[in-house]
């Protein structure tokens, strides 16, 4: 009998569909992969299955019985346990206390600590783990904490274990231990729903894969019957025909001196070995699937994160930025992917948002030169064609496209040498997208170096003079000229390629 069956599941938030007729089926003792880009609907589907969200339509059955969990606790009681990327355990409690949290064995109305410790040891022994269960969880590494989370799930007699990016904080040896644990669960008849952006992991441990895109389930395949190329194509929704390159575009022609050169950047597992350079007057794109290390690489360049290794050269001089302020002083600007969290300050005016980075230059003896501030804002509002009622209007009242223009203006007011734009058109309408892309092209034409991250391959093709393709934290290909095509980029993303030689 099928363990989990979700059919025709639909969910909308404020009228905006998140899931449309989505489906998922998992058999007992099966490891099912769930894949898709950001916004595909994976998290919403999981939250409906685990009782965090209520579905608007559709059916969910567990071992043949229709269920509609009102809370995550109800789902756990029914045998569904979830292990998230950020492990939701209590660090200062012991290993045993974490395994039995909320279900401690009692004797004479008191917690039976001896029994709890013995049963915790037995629960971990099922997975070949031997540790002192009386030690606080904070004393162990990420892999052991993952094992404790799994042991806790199994102590609750879980029938389905959901692992949501459970390998993201583990090293290769720890991942191997987790995979052995998954195989143990499989042998015991437990179903596993495995969410990971690392394709190699899917092929190593999963039986089948469910692919989601734009809130829909668009395919279910046996892992041994689908190629990486087909999987990438399904996630991105692209035909394999090479895209036509806009040969009339003049961007990237006659690029000048190097603005930034990064060689062999590394930071944990997110960025393993990335080299990229941007010259004056060119747009360089970082392409790759979700989790390939694109944003993490950009953050390293901007000083938002500290690298473990690699070399950064700015204007011919070797540098190491300890914080974004140093990168800004060197002429770098960064438009983040998440406008609402890391970009705009919603309740401040357009003028205040636009001049935020420029504020130190507009302040004398602790007093802001309001006239100069307004003059700068009005100049860039006019240059970028920002549509608003007034410069004093709160920025949250503007459309997504106009908010993005204000953020671009914030950095342009600093007269930067390099502008990093992460998903510059996400969440804005088609007309505004075209305006933003034209603006980026015009800026590069005026000599600005641009490093762009975009999941929209058409945008990369229309703008970039060079594309560095990332996979699992490494640069695996560099494309230029006619080689920049959808087929070329997807093939590089899917390939089991070694890092390209001779770079840096």
Protein backbone atom coordinates (compact mmCIF):
# COMPACT_ATOMS: atom_id res chain seq x y z
CA UNK A 1 0.00 0.00 0.00
CA UNK A 2 1.28 3.47 -0.93
CA UNK A 3 2.65 5.25 2.15
CA UNK A 4 1.86 8.85 1.14
CA UNK A 5 -0.39 10.03 -1.67
CA UNK A 6 -1.04 13.72 -2.35
CA UNK A 7 -3.29 14.42 -5.34
CA UNK A 8 -4.77 17.59 -6.81
CA UNK A 9 -3.30 19.70 -4.00
CA UNK A 10 -3.95 23.42 -4.46
CA UNK A 11 -2.95 26.32 -2.21
CA UNK A 12 -3.07 30.09 -2.67
CA UNK A 13 -1.90 32.96 -0.49
CA UNK A 14 -3.87 36.22 -0.81
CA UNK A 15 -5.18 34.97 -4.15
CA UNK A 16 -1.70 34.14 -5.50
CA UNK A 17 -1.37 30.40 -6.34
CA UNK A 18 1.51 28.59 -4.63
CA UNK A 19 0.38 25.08 -5.62
CA UNK A 20 -1.78 24.13 -8.58
CA UNK A 21 -3.01 20.53 -8.80
CA UNK A 22 0.26 19.26 -7.30
CA UNK A 23 0.88 15.60 -6.52
CA UNK A 24 3.36 13.41 -4.63
CA UNK A 25 3.48 9.68 -3.97
CA UNK A 26 5.92 7.78 -1.75
CA UNK A 27 6.04 4.02 -1.19
CA UNK A 28 7.14 2.34 2.07
CA UNK A 29 10.92 1.92 2.09
CA UNK A 30 11.35 4.34 -0.83
CA UNK A 31 13.66 7.35 -0.97
CA UNK A 32 11.87 9.99 -3.05
CA UNK A 33 13.74 13.10 -4.19
CA UNK A 34 11.82 16.37 -4.45
CA UNK A 35 13.43 18.99 -6.69
CA UNK A 36 12.66 22.37 -8.22
CA UNK A 37 13.96 25.92 -8.31
CA UNK A 38 13.01 28.65 -5.83
CA UNK A 39 9.26 29.23 -5.96
CA UNK A 40 8.54 25.80 -7.46
CA UNK A 41 6.27 24.89 -4.53
CA UNK A 42 8.41 22.31 -2.68
CA UNK A 43 8.22 23.99 0.74
CA UNK A 44 4.47 24.64 0.47
CA UNK A 45 3.81 21.01 -0.45
CA UNK A 46 5.88 19.80 2.52
CA UNK A 47 4.15 22.22 4.90
CA UNK A 48 0.75 20.92 3.80
CA UNK A 49 1.90 17.33 4.29
CA UNK A 50 3.24 18.14 7.79
CA UNK A 51 0.24 20.19 8.95
CA UNK A 52 1.91 23.62 8.94
CA UNK A 53 -0.48 24.78 6.16
CA UNK A 54 -4.02 23.71 5.31
CA UNK A 55 -4.70 22.90 1.67
CA UNK A 56 -7.40 24.67 -0.33
CA UNK A 57 -8.19 21.59 -2.42
CA UNK A 58 -6.98 18.05 -3.07
CA UNK A 59 -6.54 14.88 -1.04
CA UNK A 60 -3.76 13.57 1.20
CA UNK A 61 -3.68 9.94 2.30
CA UNK A 62 -1.31 8.17 4.70
CA UNK A 63 -1.22 4.37 4.32
CA UNK A 64 -4.55 4.52 2.49
CA UNK A 65 -6.36 6.68 5.06
CA UNK A 66 -7.28 10.26 4.16
CA UNK A 67 -5.70 12.78 6.53
CA UNK A 68 -5.90 16.54 7.08
CA UNK A 69 -3.46 17.46 9.81
CA UNK A 70 -4.38 20.57 11.78
CA UNK A 71 -0.84 21.05 13.13
CA UNK A 72 2.73 19.72 12.81
CA UNK A 73 2.20 17.92 16.13
CA UNK A 74 -0.71 15.97 14.65
CA UNK A 75 1.45 14.97 11.67
CA UNK A 76 4.24 13.83 14.03
CA UNK A 77 1.77 11.77 16.04
CA UNK A 78 0.71 10.08 12.79
CA UNK A 79 4.32 9.14 11.98
CA UNK A 80 5.63 12.01 9.82
CA UNK A 81 8.87 13.58 11.04
CA UNK A 82 10.80 16.42 9.42
CA UNK A 83 14.52 17.14 9.69
CA UNK A 84 15.29 20.65 8.49
CA UNK A 85 18.48 22.29 7.28
CA UNK A 86 18.59 24.16 10.60
CA UNK A 87 18.21 21.35 13.12
CA UNK A 88 15.38 22.15 15.54
CA UNK A 89 16.85 20.62 18.69
CA UNK A 90 17.88 22.13 22.05
CA UNK A 91 21.70 22.50 22.22
CA UNK A 92 22.03 22.81 26.01
CA UNK A 93 19.98 19.66 26.67
CA UNK A 94 21.63 16.22 26.61
CA UNK A 95 21.47 13.90 23.62
CA UNK A 96 18.99 11.66 25.45
CA UNK A 97 16.80 14.61 26.47
CA UNK A 98 16.66 15.77 22.84
CA UNK A 99 15.66 12.35 21.57
CA UNK A 100 12.81 12.09 24.10
CA UNK A 101 11.88 15.79 24.33
CA UNK A 102 8.21 16.00 25.33
CA UNK A 103 7.93 12.20 25.59
CA UNK A 104 10.26 11.46 28.50
CA UNK A 105 9.71 8.01 30.12
CA UNK A 106 8.26 8.39 33.61
CA UNK A 107 8.43 6.41 36.82
CA UNK A 108 6.36 7.36 39.87
CA UNK A 109 5.52 10.64 38.10
CA UNK A 110 9.20 11.53 37.67
CA UNK A 111 11.41 11.34 34.58
CA UNK A 112 13.16 7.97 34.54
CA UNK A 113 16.62 9.26 33.53
CA UNK A 114 18.26 5.83 33.55
CA UNK A 115 15.67 4.35 31.22
CA UNK A 116 15.74 7.44 29.00
CA UNK A 117 19.52 7.17 28.62
CA UNK A 118 19.37 3.43 27.87
CA UNK A 119 16.65 3.86 25.25
CA UNK A 120 18.50 6.80 23.68
CA UNK A 121 21.63 4.65 23.37
CA UNK A 122 19.56 1.90 21.73
CA UNK A 123 17.94 4.38 19.34
CA UNK A 124 21.35 5.63 18.18
CA UNK A 125 22.79 2.12 18.02
CA UNK A 126 20.29 1.34 15.24
CA UNK A 127 22.37 3.68 13.09
CA UNK A 128 25.78 2.60 14.34
CA UNK A 129 26.23 5.71 16.50
CA UNK A 130 27.88 5.35 19.91
CA UNK A 131 28.11 8.54 21.98
CA UNK A 132 27.67 9.55 25.61
CA UNK A 133 23.96 10.40 25.59
CA UNK A 134 24.37 12.32 28.88
CA UNK A 135 26.47 14.99 27.11
CA UNK A 136 24.81 18.25 25.96
CA UNK A 137 24.07 18.21 22.22
CA UNK A 138 26.16 21.38 21.73
CA UNK A 139 29.29 19.30 22.26
CA UNK A 140 28.82 17.35 19.01
CA UNK A 141 29.37 18.12 15.32
CA UNK A 142 26.65 18.74 12.74
CA UNK A 143 26.57 15.12 11.55
CA UNK A 144 25.97 13.75 15.05
CA UNK A 145 23.23 16.33 15.60
CA UNK A 146 21.60 15.16 12.38
CA UNK A 147 21.76 11.57 13.64
CA UNK A 148 20.15 12.64 16.91
CA UNK A 149 17.35 14.32 14.96
CA UNK A 150 16.82 11.11 12.97
CA UNK A 151 16.94 8.97 16.13
CA UNK A 152 14.32 11.26 17.65
CA UNK A 153 12.13 10.78 14.57
CA UNK A 154 12.50 7.00 14.77
CA UNK A 155 11.83 6.96 18.51
CA UNK A 156 8.46 8.43 17.59
CA UNK A 157 7.96 5.46 15.26
CA UNK A 158 8.10 7.59 12.14
CA UNK A 159 6.75 6.05 8.97
CA UNK A 160 7.99 8.94 6.81
CA UNK A 161 11.09 11.06 7.42
CA UNK A 162 11.36 14.31 5.46
CA UNK A 163 14.92 15.59 5.04
CA UNK A 164 14.89 19.20 3.85
CA UNK A 165 18.42 20.19 2.73
CA UNK A 166 19.73 18.01 5.55
CA UNK A 167 23.23 17.76 4.01
CA UNK A 168 23.87 21.48 3.60
CA UNK A 169 25.99 21.82 6.74
CA UNK A 170 27.78 18.45 6.50
CA UNK A 171 31.17 17.60 5.04
CA UNK A 172 31.69 14.67 2.65
CA UNK A 173 32.42 12.12 5.38
CA UNK A 174 29.36 13.23 7.36
CA UNK A 175 27.19 13.04 4.24
CA UNK A 176 28.35 9.45 3.71
CA UNK A 177 27.27 8.64 7.29
CA UNK A 178 23.86 10.24 6.67
CA UNK A 179 23.41 8.27 3.45
CA UNK A 180 24.14 5.02 5.27
CA UNK A 181 21.49 6.02 7.79
CA UNK A 182 19.00 6.66 4.99
CA UNK A 183 19.71 3.18 3.61
CA UNK A 184 19.06 1.77 7.10
CA UNK A 185 15.71 3.59 7.25
CA UNK A 186 14.87 2.25 3.79
CA UNK A 187 15.66 -1.32 4.86
CA UNK A 188 13.33 -0.86 7.85
CA UNK A 189 10.47 0.10 5.53
CA UNK A 190 10.52 3.79 6.40
CA UNK A 191 9.79 6.21 3.55
CA UNK A 192 12.16 9.14 3.05
CA UNK A 193 11.39 12.40 1.22
CA UNK A 194 14.77 13.87 0.34
CA UNK A 195 15.10 17.52 -0.68
CA UNK A 196 18.51 18.59 -1.98
CA UNK A 197 19.87 20.92 -4.65
CA UNK A 198 22.94 18.70 -5.16
CA UNK A 199 22.21 16.44 -8.11
CA UNK A 200 24.98 13.96 -7.24
CA UNK A 201 23.32 13.30 -3.88
CA UNK A 202 20.02 12.46 -5.54
CA UNK A 203 21.64 9.84 -7.75
CA UNK A 204 23.57 8.40 -4.80
CA UNK A 205 20.66 7.74 -2.47
CA UNK A 206 17.24 8.24 -4.13
CA UNK A 207 15.00 5.73 -5.94
CA UNK A 208 12.72 8.19 -7.74
CA UNK A 209 12.49 11.95 -8.23
CA UNK A 210 9.46 14.25 -8.28
CA UNK A 211 10.06 17.47 -10.22
CA UNK A 212 8.10 20.65 -9.45
CA UNK A 213 7.92 23.89 -11.38
CA UNK A 214 5.70 26.95 -10.89
CA UNK A 215 3.58 25.23 -8.24
CA UNK A 216 2.90 22.13 -10.34
CA UNK A 217 4.24 18.58 -10.33
CA UNK A 218 5.57 18.21 -13.85
CA UNK A 219 7.16 14.77 -13.69
CA UNK A 220 8.10 11.70 -11.68
CA UNK A 221 11.07 9.61 -12.84
CA UNK A 222 13.16 6.66 -11.70
CA UNK A 223 16.57 8.09 -10.82
CA UNK A 224 18.35 5.50 -12.95
CA UNK A 225 16.18 6.42 -15.95
CA UNK A 226 16.66 10.21 -16.07
CA UNK A 227 19.85 12.02 -17.04
CA UNK A 228 21.16 15.09 -15.25
CA UNK A 229 20.57 17.10 -18.41
CA UNK A 230 16.91 16.06 -18.55
CA UNK A 231 16.52 16.81 -14.84
CA UNK A 232 17.97 20.30 -15.22
CA UNK A 233 15.79 20.92 -18.27
CA UNK A 234 12.68 19.81 -16.37
CA UNK A 235 13.46 22.11 -13.42
CA UNK A 236 14.16 25.15 -15.59
CA UNK A 237 11.46 24.43 -18.14
CA UNK A 238 13.71 25.09 -21.11
CA UNK A 239 13.74 23.51 -24.53
CA UNK A 240 17.09 22.13 -25.58
CA UNK A 241 17.23 24.17 -28.74
CA UNK A 242 20.00 26.74 -28.48
CA UNK A 243 18.58 30.20 -27.89
CA UNK A 244 19.08 32.85 -30.50
CA UNK A 245 21.65 35.34 -29.35
CA UNK A 246 20.87 39.02 -29.78
CA UNK A 247 23.72 39.88 -32.10
CA UNK A 248 22.57 43.48 -32.40
CA UNK A 249 23.34 44.12 -28.72
CA UNK A 250 26.59 45.99 -28.26
CA UNK A 251 27.08 45.09 -24.61
CA UNK A 252 30.43 43.68 -23.67
CA UNK A 253 32.14 45.05 -26.76
CA UNK A 254 35.51 46.68 -26.15
CA UNK A 255 35.64 45.87 -22.44
CA UNK A 256 38.32 47.85 -20.63
CA UNK A 257 40.68 47.18 -17.74
CA UNK A 258 39.86 44.57 -15.06
CA UNK A 259 37.73 45.95 -12.23
CA UNK A 260 37.87 42.82 -10.09
CA UNK A 261 39.61 39.47 -10.42
CA UNK A 262 38.84 36.66 -8.00
CA UNK A 263 40.91 33.47 -8.08
CA UNK A 264 40.04 30.19 -6.35
CA UNK A 265 37.59 31.68 -3.83
CA UNK A 266 36.48 29.21 -1.17
CA UNK A 267 34.18 29.36 1.87
CA UNK A 268 32.99 26.13 3.47
CA UNK A 269 30.95 23.81 1.29
CA UNK A 270 29.01 26.61 -0.39
CA UNK A 271 31.97 27.97 -2.36
CA UNK A 272 34.70 25.44 -3.05
CA UNK A 273 36.74 26.92 -5.92
CA UNK A 274 35.42 29.84 -7.94
CA UNK A 275 37.37 32.20 -10.20
CA UNK A 276 35.71 35.11 -11.97
CA UNK A 277 36.81 38.45 -13.42
CA UNK A 278 34.85 41.52 -14.51
CA UNK A 279 36.21 44.28 -16.75
CA UNK A 280 35.04 47.84 -17.28
CA UNK A 281 32.04 48.00 -19.59
CA UNK A 282 31.10 44.31 -19.57
CA UNK A 283 28.35 42.23 -18.02
CA UNK A 284 29.55 38.92 -16.58
CA UNK A 285 26.87 36.49 -15.44
CA UNK A 286 27.08 33.77 -12.81
CA UNK A 287 24.81 30.94 -13.93
CA UNK A 288 23.87 27.77 -12.08
CA UNK A 289 21.10 25.92 -10.34
CA UNK A 290 19.80 26.79 -6.89
CA UNK A 291 22.58 26.05 -4.39
CA UNK A 292 25.39 26.21 -6.93
CA UNK A 293 27.12 29.02 -4.99
CA UNK A 294 26.21 32.07 -7.08
CA UNK A 295 24.96 34.36 -4.30
CA UNK A 296 27.60 33.08 -1.88
CA UNK A 297 30.33 34.01 -4.39
CA UNK A 298 28.86 37.50 -4.79
CA UNK A 299 28.77 37.95 -1.01
CA UNK A 300 32.45 37.00 -0.79
CA UNK A 301 33.32 39.60 -3.43
CA UNK A 302 31.36 42.24 -1.52
CA UNK A 303 32.91 41.48 1.88
CA UNK A 304 29.59 40.33 3.34
CA UNK A 305 31.18 36.95 4.13
CA UNK A 306 34.81 36.07 4.81
CA UNK A 307 36.57 33.57 2.50
CA UNK A 308 38.52 30.55 3.70
CA UNK A 309 40.85 30.82 0.72
CA UNK A 310 41.47 32.48 -2.62
CA UNK A 311 42.75 35.80 -3.87
CA UNK A 312 40.93 39.03 -4.73
CA UNK A 313 42.47 41.72 -6.93
CA UNK A 314 40.78 45.10 -7.34
CA UNK A 315 42.12 47.56 -9.91
CA UNK A 316 45.36 45.57 -10.08
CA UNK A 317 45.91 45.61 -6.29
CA UNK A 318 45.40 42.57 -4.07
CA UNK A 319 42.68 43.21 -1.48
CA UNK A 320 40.77 41.45 1.27
CA UNK A 321 37.49 43.07 2.34
CA UNK A 322 36.66 42.50 5.99
CA UNK A 323 33.21 44.07 5.65
CA UNK A 324 30.93 45.56 2.97
CA UNK A 325 31.93 49.11 3.94
CA UNK A 326 35.43 48.42 2.60
CA UNK A 327 34.01 47.07 -0.67
CA UNK A 328 31.77 50.12 -1.01
CA UNK A 329 34.77 52.39 -0.44
CA UNK A 330 36.56 50.49 -3.24
CA UNK A 331 33.69 51.26 -5.63
CA UNK A 332 31.48 48.16 -5.28
CA UNK A 333 27.67 48.15 -5.12
CA UNK A 334 25.40 45.17 -4.41
CA UNK A 335 21.67 44.87 -5.20
CA UNK A 336 20.56 41.84 -3.16
CA UNK A 337 18.20 39.13 -4.39
CA UNK A 338 15.78 39.80 -1.52
CA UNK A 339 14.63 43.39 -2.03
CA UNK A 340 12.28 43.40 0.93
CA UNK A 341 14.66 41.95 3.52
CA UNK A 342 18.11 43.20 2.42
CA UNK A 343 17.25 46.11 0.12
CA UNK A 344 14.49 48.58 0.86
CA UNK A 345 13.55 50.05 4.24
CA UNK A 346 9.77 49.96 3.69
CA UNK A 347 8.65 52.83 5.93
CA UNK A 348 11.33 55.27 4.77
CA UNK A 349 10.79 57.59 1.82
CA UNK A 350 12.14 57.09 -1.68
CA UNK A 351 14.60 59.94 -1.07
CA UNK A 352 15.90 58.32 2.12
CA UNK A 353 16.18 54.85 0.55
CA UNK A 354 17.92 56.15 -2.57
CA UNK A 355 20.56 58.13 -0.68
CA UNK A 356 21.19 55.60 2.10
CA UNK A 357 24.66 54.52 0.96
CA UNK A 358 25.57 58.11 0.09
CA UNK A 359 24.64 59.46 3.53
CA UNK A 360 28.21 59.84 4.89
CA UNK A 361 29.05 62.12 1.95
CA UNK A 362 25.89 64.18 2.51
CA UNK A 363 26.55 64.72 6.21
CA UNK A 364 28.68 67.50 7.66
CA UNK A 365 29.26 67.84 11.40
CA UNK A 366 26.48 65.34 11.99
CA UNK A 367 23.92 67.31 9.97
CA UNK A 368 22.45 65.97 6.71
CA UNK A 369 22.46 68.41 3.80
CA UNK A 370 18.78 67.93 2.92
CA UNK A 371 18.96 70.09 -0.19
CA UNK A 372 21.86 68.05 -1.60
CA UNK A 373 20.11 64.82 -0.62
CA UNK A 374 16.94 65.77 -2.47
CA UNK A 375 18.88 67.00 -5.49
CA UNK A 376 20.70 63.64 -5.81
CA UNK A 377 17.46 61.72 -5.40
CA UNK A 378 15.55 63.76 -7.97
CA UNK A 379 18.44 63.48 -10.45
CA UNK A 380 18.45 59.67 -10.32
CA UNK A 381 14.66 59.38 -10.18
CA UNK A 382 14.64 61.27 -13.47
CA UNK A 383 17.57 59.35 -14.99
CA UNK A 384 16.09 55.94 -14.19
CA UNK A 385 12.49 56.87 -14.90
CA UNK A 386 11.18 55.92 -11.45
CA UNK A 387 7.38 56.25 -11.43
CA UNK A 388 6.10 57.71 -8.16
CA UNK A 389 3.72 60.28 -6.75
CA UNK A 390 6.43 62.12 -4.82
CA UNK A 391 10.06 61.61 -3.76
CA UNK A 392 8.76 61.74 -0.19
CA UNK A 393 6.47 58.76 -0.81
CA UNK A 394 7.18 55.63 1.26
CA UNK A 395 9.08 53.18 -0.91
CA UNK A 396 6.79 50.28 0.05
CA UNK A 397 4.02 52.02 -1.91
CA UNK A 398 5.96 51.69 -5.19
CA UNK A 399 5.69 48.74 -7.57
CA UNK A 400 8.38 46.05 -7.44
CA UNK A 401 9.99 47.34 -10.63
CA UNK A 402 10.20 50.89 -9.32
CA UNK A 403 11.58 49.69 -5.98
CA UNK A 404 14.30 47.89 -7.93
CA UNK A 405 15.10 51.08 -9.86
CA UNK A 406 15.50 52.97 -6.57
CA UNK A 407 17.94 50.31 -5.32
CA UNK A 408 19.95 50.54 -8.54
CA UNK A 409 19.93 54.33 -8.17
CA UNK A 410 21.21 53.98 -4.59
CA UNK A 411 24.42 52.44 -5.91
CA UNK A 412 24.70 54.52 -9.06
CA UNK A 413 24.68 57.64 -6.89
CA UNK A 414 27.95 56.31 -5.43
CA UNK A 415 29.55 56.31 -8.90
CA UNK A 416 30.65 52.66 -8.58
CA UNK A 417 33.19 50.74 -10.62
CA UNK A 418 31.44 47.39 -10.12
CA UNK A 419 27.73 46.73 -9.65
CA UNK A 420 26.65 43.27 -8.46
CA UNK A 421 22.98 42.54 -9.21
CA UNK A 422 21.44 39.34 -7.79
CA UNK A 423 18.20 38.31 -9.55
CA UNK A 424 17.47 41.92 -10.60
CA UNK A 425 14.08 41.15 -12.18
CA UNK A 426 12.64 38.69 -9.66
CA UNK A 427 9.09 39.54 -8.63
CA UNK A 428 8.50 42.37 -11.09
CA UNK A 429 6.20 42.56 -14.10
CA UNK A 430 7.24 41.95 -17.70
CA UNK A 431 7.34 45.62 -18.71
CA UNK A 432 9.48 46.58 -15.72
CA UNK A 433 11.80 43.63 -16.43
CA UNK A 434 12.55 44.98 -19.88
CA UNK A 435 13.29 48.43 -18.42
CA UNK A 436 15.65 47.02 -15.77
CA UNK A 437 17.53 44.90 -18.32
CA UNK A 438 17.89 47.86 -20.69
CA UNK A 439 19.19 49.96 -17.81
CA UNK A 440 21.83 47.35 -16.95
CA UNK A 441 22.88 47.14 -20.60
CA UNK A 442 23.12 50.94 -20.86
CA UNK A 443 25.18 51.15 -17.67
CA UNK A 444 27.71 48.63 -18.97
CA UNK A 445 27.81 50.57 -22.22
CA UNK A 446 28.88 53.61 -20.19
CA UNK A 447 31.85 51.69 -18.76
CA UNK A 448 30.40 50.18 -15.58
CA UNK A 449 31.46 46.62 -14.77
CA UNK A 450 28.43 44.47 -13.93
CA UNK A 451 28.32 41.03 -12.27
CA UNK A 452 24.83 39.60 -12.70
CA UNK A 453 23.12 36.58 -11.18
CA UNK A 454 19.92 35.43 -12.87
CA UNK A 455 17.96 32.19 -12.99
CA UNK A 456 16.32 33.42 -16.21
CA UNK A 457 18.56 32.07 -18.94
CA UNK A 458 17.05 34.44 -21.53
CA UNK A 459 18.22 37.38 -19.43
CA UNK A 460 21.74 35.98 -19.25
CA UNK A 461 21.81 35.41 -23.01
CA UNK A 462 20.55 38.91 -23.80
CA UNK A 463 22.94 40.75 -21.48
CA UNK A 464 26.13 38.85 -20.72
CA UNK A 465 29.34 39.04 -22.71
CA UNK A 466 30.72 36.20 -20.58
CA UNK A 467 29.04 33.55 -18.42
CA UNK A 468 30.74 31.64 -15.61
CA UNK A 469 28.73 28.50 -14.85
CA UNK A 470 28.81 27.23 -11.26
CA UNK A 471 27.97 23.78 -9.97
CA UNK A 472 28.23 22.66 -6.34
CA UNK A 473 30.40 25.65 -5.41
CA UNK A 474 32.85 25.34 -8.31
CA UNK A 475 33.18 27.12 -11.65
CA UNK A 476 32.80 24.38 -14.25
CA UNK A 477 32.67 26.38 -17.49
CA UNK A 478 33.18 29.85 -18.93
CA UNK A 479 31.17 30.71 -22.03
CA UNK A 480 31.49 33.72 -24.31
CA UNK A 481 30.20 34.93 -27.66
CA UNK A 482 28.12 32.40 -29.59
CA UNK A 483 28.77 29.75 -26.94
CA UNK A 484 26.33 31.54 -24.62
CA UNK A 485 23.16 29.53 -25.22
CA UNK A 486 20.53 27.76 -23.14
CA UNK A 487 21.88 24.41 -24.26
CA UNK A 488 25.47 25.36 -23.43
CA UNK A 489 24.60 26.62 -19.94
CA UNK A 490 22.33 23.70 -19.06
CA UNK A 491 24.86 21.18 -20.33
CA UNK A 492 27.52 22.75 -18.10
CA UNK A 493 25.18 22.76 -15.08
CA UNK A 494 24.33 19.10 -15.59
CA UNK A 495 27.78 17.78 -16.47
CA UNK A 496 30.01 15.86 -14.10
CA UNK A 497 32.72 18.36 -14.99
CA UNK A 498 35.93 19.00 -13.15
CA UNK A 499 36.72 22.68 -12.45
CA UNK A 500 38.06 24.24 -15.62
CA UNK A 501 41.82 24.28 -15.79
CA UNK A 502 44.12 27.22 -16.16
CA UNK A 503 41.90 29.83 -14.51
CA UNK A 504 43.14 32.36 -11.98
